[in-house]
Amino acid sequence: MQFPENLRYTKDHEWIRLEGTSAVIGITEFAQSELGDIVYVEIETKDKPLAAEAVFGTVEAVKTVSDLFLPVAGTITEVNPALESQPELINSDPYGQGWMVKMTLANPADFENLLTAAAYKNLVG
């Protein structure tokens, strides 16, 4: 299982990557493997300011539906358009083409308070 060092992680199995003053967010390889085949993604929170740990959408897998939690406070500026027709990208490339949203951070320093790759790896064992 991969734990890219350039990302930060949450206990809810989301990842975040800084890109200047914005960030890209998705779910981890561990999360997608636990969910199984993802068949639908619903994110209707674009352009709405959200608190850290707020639900920003849901993923539907063959077995279950799971909420998606925002790692840090901010505003979603973009939803990955490819997921509408290819939600399985989350399974096949969770850290690349399977990204979910881009956002502006309310406080970029919040990124540093999230789990490092080593800490997340210890969490999921």
C-alpha atoms as a PDB file:
ATOM      1  CA  MET A   1       0.000   0.000   0.000  1.00  0.00           C
ATOM      2  CA  GLN A   2       1.257   3.477  -0.881  1.00  0.00           C
ATOM      3  CA  PHE A   3       1.654   6.399   1.547  1.00  0.00           C
ATOM      4  CA  PRO A   4       3.047   9.296  -0.528  1.00  0.00           C
ATOM      5  CA  GLU A   5       5.316  11.483   1.601  1.00  0.00           C
ATOM      6  CA  ASN A   6       4.201  14.766  -0.027  1.00  0.00           C
ATOM      7  CA  LEU A   7       0.637  14.349   1.282  1.00  0.00           C
ATOM      8  CA  ARG A   8      -0.961  14.814   4.683  1.00  0.00           C
ATOM      9  CA  TYR A   9      -3.701  12.511   5.941  1.00  0.00           C
ATOM     10  CA  THR A  10      -6.719  12.405   8.256  1.00  0.00           C
ATOM     11  CA  LYS A  11      -7.999   9.719  10.593  1.00  0.00           C
ATOM     12  CA  ASP A  12     -11.051   9.592   8.284  1.00  0.00           C
ATOM     13  CA  HIS A  13      -8.767   8.428   5.420  1.00  0.00           C
ATOM     14  CA  GLU A  14      -8.712  11.558   3.282  1.00  0.00           C
ATOM     15  CA  TRP A  15      -5.474  12.924   1.849  1.00  0.00           C
ATOM     16  CA  ILE A  16      -4.537  16.507   1.010  1.00  0.00           C
ATOM     17  CA  ARG A  17      -1.776  17.957  -1.175  1.00  0.00           C
ATOM     18  CA  LEU A  18      -0.864  21.643  -1.142  1.00  0.00           C
ATOM     19  CA  GLU A  19      -0.470  23.417  -4.482  1.00  0.00           C
ATOM     20  CA  GLY A  20       0.479  26.987  -3.642  1.00  0.00           C
ATOM     21  CA  THR A  21      -2.448  28.578  -1.821  1.00  0.00           C
ATOM     22  CA  SER A  22      -4.874  25.841  -2.818  1.00  0.00           C
ATOM     23  CA  ALA A  23      -5.084  22.125  -2.101  1.00  0.00           C
ATOM     24  CA  VAL A  24      -6.178  18.901  -3.774  1.00  0.00           C
ATOM     25  CA  ILE A  25      -8.125  16.320  -1.748  1.00  0.00           C
ATOM     26  CA  GLY A  26      -9.059  12.676  -2.226  1.00  0.00           C
ATOM     27  CA  ILE A  27      -9.425   9.441  -0.294  1.00  0.00           C
ATOM     28  CA  THR A  28      -6.512   7.166   0.496  1.00  0.00           C
ATOM     29  CA  GLU A  29      -5.620   3.873  -1.082  1.00  0.00           C
ATOM     30  CA  PHE A  30      -6.601   2.223   2.217  1.00  0.00           C
ATOM     31  CA  ALA A  31     -10.057   3.861   2.151  1.00  0.00           C
ATOM     32  CA  GLN A  32     -10.830   2.851  -1.425  1.00  0.00           C
ATOM     33  CA  SER A  33      -9.716  -0.732  -0.743  1.00  0.00           C
ATOM     34  CA  GLU A  34     -12.039  -0.911   2.292  1.00  0.00           C
ATOM     35  CA  LEU A  35     -14.967   0.528   0.309  1.00  0.00           C
ATOM     36  CA  GLY A  36     -14.569  -1.746  -2.704  1.00  0.00           C
ATOM     37  CA  ASP A  37     -15.628  -0.795  -6.223  1.00  0.00           C
ATOM     38  CA  ILE A  38     -16.771   2.829  -6.248  1.00  0.00           C
ATOM     39  CA  VAL A  39     -19.752   3.389  -8.518  1.00  0.00           C
ATOM     40  CA  TYR A  40     -20.846   6.969  -7.782  1.00  0.00           C
ATOM     41  CA  VAL A  41     -19.488  10.180  -6.263  1.00  0.00           C
ATOM     42  CA  GLU A  42     -21.734  13.025  -5.105  1.00  0.00           C
ATOM     43  CA  ILE A  43     -20.204  16.386  -4.211  1.00  0.00           C
ATOM     44  CA  GLU A  44     -22.572  19.361  -4.088  1.00  0.00           C
ATOM     45  CA  THR A  45     -20.566  21.692  -1.837  1.00  0.00           C
ATOM     46  CA  LYS A  46     -18.644  23.675  -4.469  1.00  0.00           C
ATOM     47  CA  ASP A  47     -18.248  27.381  -3.626  1.00  0.00           C
ATOM     48  CA  LYS A  48     -19.521  26.886  -0.053  1.00  0.00           C
ATOM     49  CA  PRO A  49     -17.233  27.703   2.882  1.00  0.00           C
ATOM     50  CA  LEU A  50     -16.873  24.588   5.054  1.00  0.00           C
ATOM     51  CA  ALA A  51     -15.314  23.850   8.419  1.00  0.00           C
ATOM     52  CA  ALA A  52     -12.606  21.255   8.935  1.00  0.00           C
ATOM     53  CA  GLU A  53     -14.150  17.775   9.254  1.00  0.00           C
ATOM     54  CA  ALA A  54     -17.411  18.909   7.605  1.00  0.00           C
ATOM     55  CA  VAL A  55     -19.009  16.444   5.186  1.00  0.00           C
ATOM     56  CA  PHE A  56     -18.304  17.662   1.656  1.00  0.00           C
ATOM     57  CA  GLY A  57     -19.829  14.753  -0.269  1.00  0.00           C
ATOM     58  CA  THR A  58     -20.372  11.005  -0.441  1.00  0.00           C
ATOM     59  CA  VAL A  59     -18.982   8.037  -2.312  1.00  0.00           C
ATOM     60  CA  GLU A  60     -21.142   5.076  -3.163  1.00  0.00           C
ATOM     61  CA  ALA A  61     -19.511   1.687  -3.497  1.00  0.00           C
ATOM     62  CA  VAL A  62     -21.076  -1.645  -4.333  1.00  0.00           C
ATOM     63  CA  LYS A  63     -21.183  -2.465  -0.598  1.00  0.00           C
ATOM     64  CA  THR A  64     -21.863   0.887   1.105  1.00  0.00           C
ATOM     65  CA  VAL A  65     -22.202   4.663   1.006  1.00  0.00           C
ATOM     66  CA  SER A  66     -19.594   6.687   2.888  1.00  0.00           C
ATOM     67  CA  ASP A  67     -19.336  10.369   3.797  1.00  0.00           C
ATOM     68  CA  LEU A  68     -16.319  12.419   2.724  1.00  0.00           C
ATOM     69  CA  PHE A  69     -14.821  14.744   5.352  1.00  0.00           C
ATOM     70  CA  LEU A  70     -12.892  17.925   4.575  1.00  0.00           C
ATOM     71  CA  PRO A  71      -9.400  17.771   6.142  1.00  0.00           C
ATOM     72  CA  VAL A  72      -9.162  21.548   6.701  1.00  0.00           C
ATOM     73  CA  ALA A  73     -11.483  24.553   6.635  1.00  0.00           C
ATOM     74  CA  GLY A  74     -11.915  26.315   3.327  1.00  0.00           C
ATOM     75  CA  THR A  75     -13.947  26.569   0.137  1.00  0.00           C
ATOM     76  CA  ILE A  76     -14.147  23.931  -2.603  1.00  0.00           C
ATOM     77  CA  THR A  77     -13.345  25.577  -5.922  1.00  0.00           C
ATOM     78  CA  GLU A  78     -13.406  22.577  -8.254  1.00  0.00           C
ATOM     79  CA  VAL A  79     -14.829  19.061  -8.366  1.00  0.00           C
ATOM     80  CA  ASN A  80     -12.992  16.468 -10.472  1.00  0.00           C
ATOM     81  CA  PRO A  81     -15.168  16.304 -13.622  1.00  0.00           C
ATOM     82  CA  ALA A  82     -13.798  12.876 -14.613  1.00  0.00           C
ATOM     83  CA  LEU A  83     -15.450  11.231 -11.598  1.00  0.00           C
ATOM     84  CA  GLU A  84     -18.919  11.831 -13.010  1.00  0.00           C
ATOM     85  CA  SER A  85     -18.374   9.295 -15.788  1.00  0.00           C
ATOM     86  CA  GLN A  86     -15.441   7.366 -14.273  1.00  0.00           C
ATOM     87  CA  PRO A  87     -15.839   7.053 -10.468  1.00  0.00           C
ATOM     88  CA  GLU A  88     -13.629   3.950 -10.625  1.00  0.00           C
ATOM     89  CA  LEU A  89     -10.612   6.280 -11.026  1.00  0.00           C
ATOM     90  CA  ILE A  90     -10.715   6.529  -7.230  1.00  0.00           C
ATOM     91  CA  ASN A  91     -10.027   2.781  -7.064  1.00  0.00           C
ATOM     92  CA  SER A  92      -7.398   2.645  -9.795  1.00  0.00           C
ATOM     93  CA  ASP A  93      -5.504   5.897  -9.066  1.00  0.00           C
ATOM     94  CA  PRO A  94      -6.549   7.365  -5.680  1.00  0.00           C
ATOM     95  CA  TYR A  95      -3.567   9.772  -5.450  1.00  0.00           C
ATOM     96  CA  GLY A  96      -3.608  10.842  -9.110  1.00  0.00           C
ATOM     97  CA  GLN A  97      -6.553  10.944 -11.514  1.00  0.00           C
ATOM     98  CA  GLY A  98      -8.911   9.879  -8.707  1.00  0.00           C
ATOM     99  CA  TRP A  99      -8.607  13.192  -6.827  1.00  0.00           C
ATOM    100  CA  MET A 100     -11.961  14.549  -5.691  1.00  0.00           C
ATOM    101  CA  VAL A 101     -11.851  18.300  -5.082  1.00  0.00           C
ATOM    102  CA  LYS A 102      -9.626  21.358  -5.171  1.00  0.00           C
ATOM    103  CA  MET A 103     -10.057  24.029  -2.531  1.00  0.00           C
ATOM    104  CA  THR A 104      -8.720  27.246  -1.087  1.00  0.00           C
ATOM    105  CA  LEU A 105      -7.682  26.896   2.539  1.00  0.00           C
ATOM    106  CA  ALA A 106      -9.042  29.243   5.199  1.00  0.00           C
ATOM    107  CA  ASN A 107      -5.757  28.818   7.093  1.00  0.00           C
ATOM    108  CA  PRO A 108      -2.873  27.150   5.203  1.00  0.00           C
ATOM    109  CA  ALA A 109      -1.106  26.424   8.531  1.00  0.00           C
ATOM    110  CA  ASP A 110      -3.834  23.831   9.277  1.00  0.00           C
ATOM    111  CA  PHE A 111      -2.122  21.540   6.753  1.00  0.00           C
ATOM    112  CA  GLU A 112       0.803  21.080   9.154  1.00  0.00           C
ATOM    113  CA  ASN A 113      -1.526  19.745  11.878  1.00  0.00           C
ATOM    114  CA  LEU A 114      -2.611  16.736   9.806  1.00  0.00           C
ATOM    115  CA  LEU A 115      -1.018  13.284   9.889  1.00  0.00           C
ATOM    116  CA  THR A 116       2.275  12.709   8.100  1.00  0.00           C
ATOM    117  CA  ALA A 117       2.655   9.655   5.866  1.00  0.00           C
ATOM    118  CA  ALA A 118       4.446   7.780   8.677  1.00  0.00           C
ATOM    119  CA  ALA A 119       1.761   8.629  11.230  1.00  0.00           C
ATOM    120  CA  TYR A 120      -1.027   7.588   8.838  1.00  0.00           C
ATOM    121  CA  LYS A 121       0.782   4.340   8.020  1.00  0.00           C
ATOM    122  CA  ASN A 122       0.930   3.580  11.762  1.00  0.00           C
ATOM    123  CA  LEU A 123      -2.788   4.361  12.070  1.00  0.00           C
ATOM    124  CA  VAL A 124      -3.874   1.880   9.406  1.00  0.00           C
ATOM    125  CA  GLY A 125      -1.187  -0.649  10.322  1.00  0.00           C
END
